[in-house]
């Protein structure tokens, strides 16, 4: 979902709170542009979710027009930054093995590294590099 939002240059609307108007005059043209810019990412996010999840997350009209609020709710529900989630992903990386195919090994390693970054595990690059090198045959 993040990749799709980034490709369409919509991810910024999901991670930054947009302020409607200029704070003084509330310029309607600016407000309309911001709402339009928020509707597309909201629609894209809801396309990835099933109807039960949408009904649980979208509780007001504001949520359907504010991609920042919707994204916060999706992350709170799915992107667990808990210790358990981090441990599961780190263990998966540690169990990664080389199975006679460098292409598959690189692909699987990239997936694991992406997962590690997505849950916010802070590991020195050297430690990751050494871990990967020890998995390769001599």
Foldseek 3Di string as FASTA:
>chain_A
DCVVCVVVVLVVLQADFDDQAPVPPRPVVSNVVLQVSQQVLLVVVVVVDDPVVCCVQPDDPVCNRRNNSSSVSCCVVPVDLDPVQLVVLVVLLLPQADDPDPVVSVVVNVVSVVSNVSSPPDDDPVVSVVSSVVRDDD
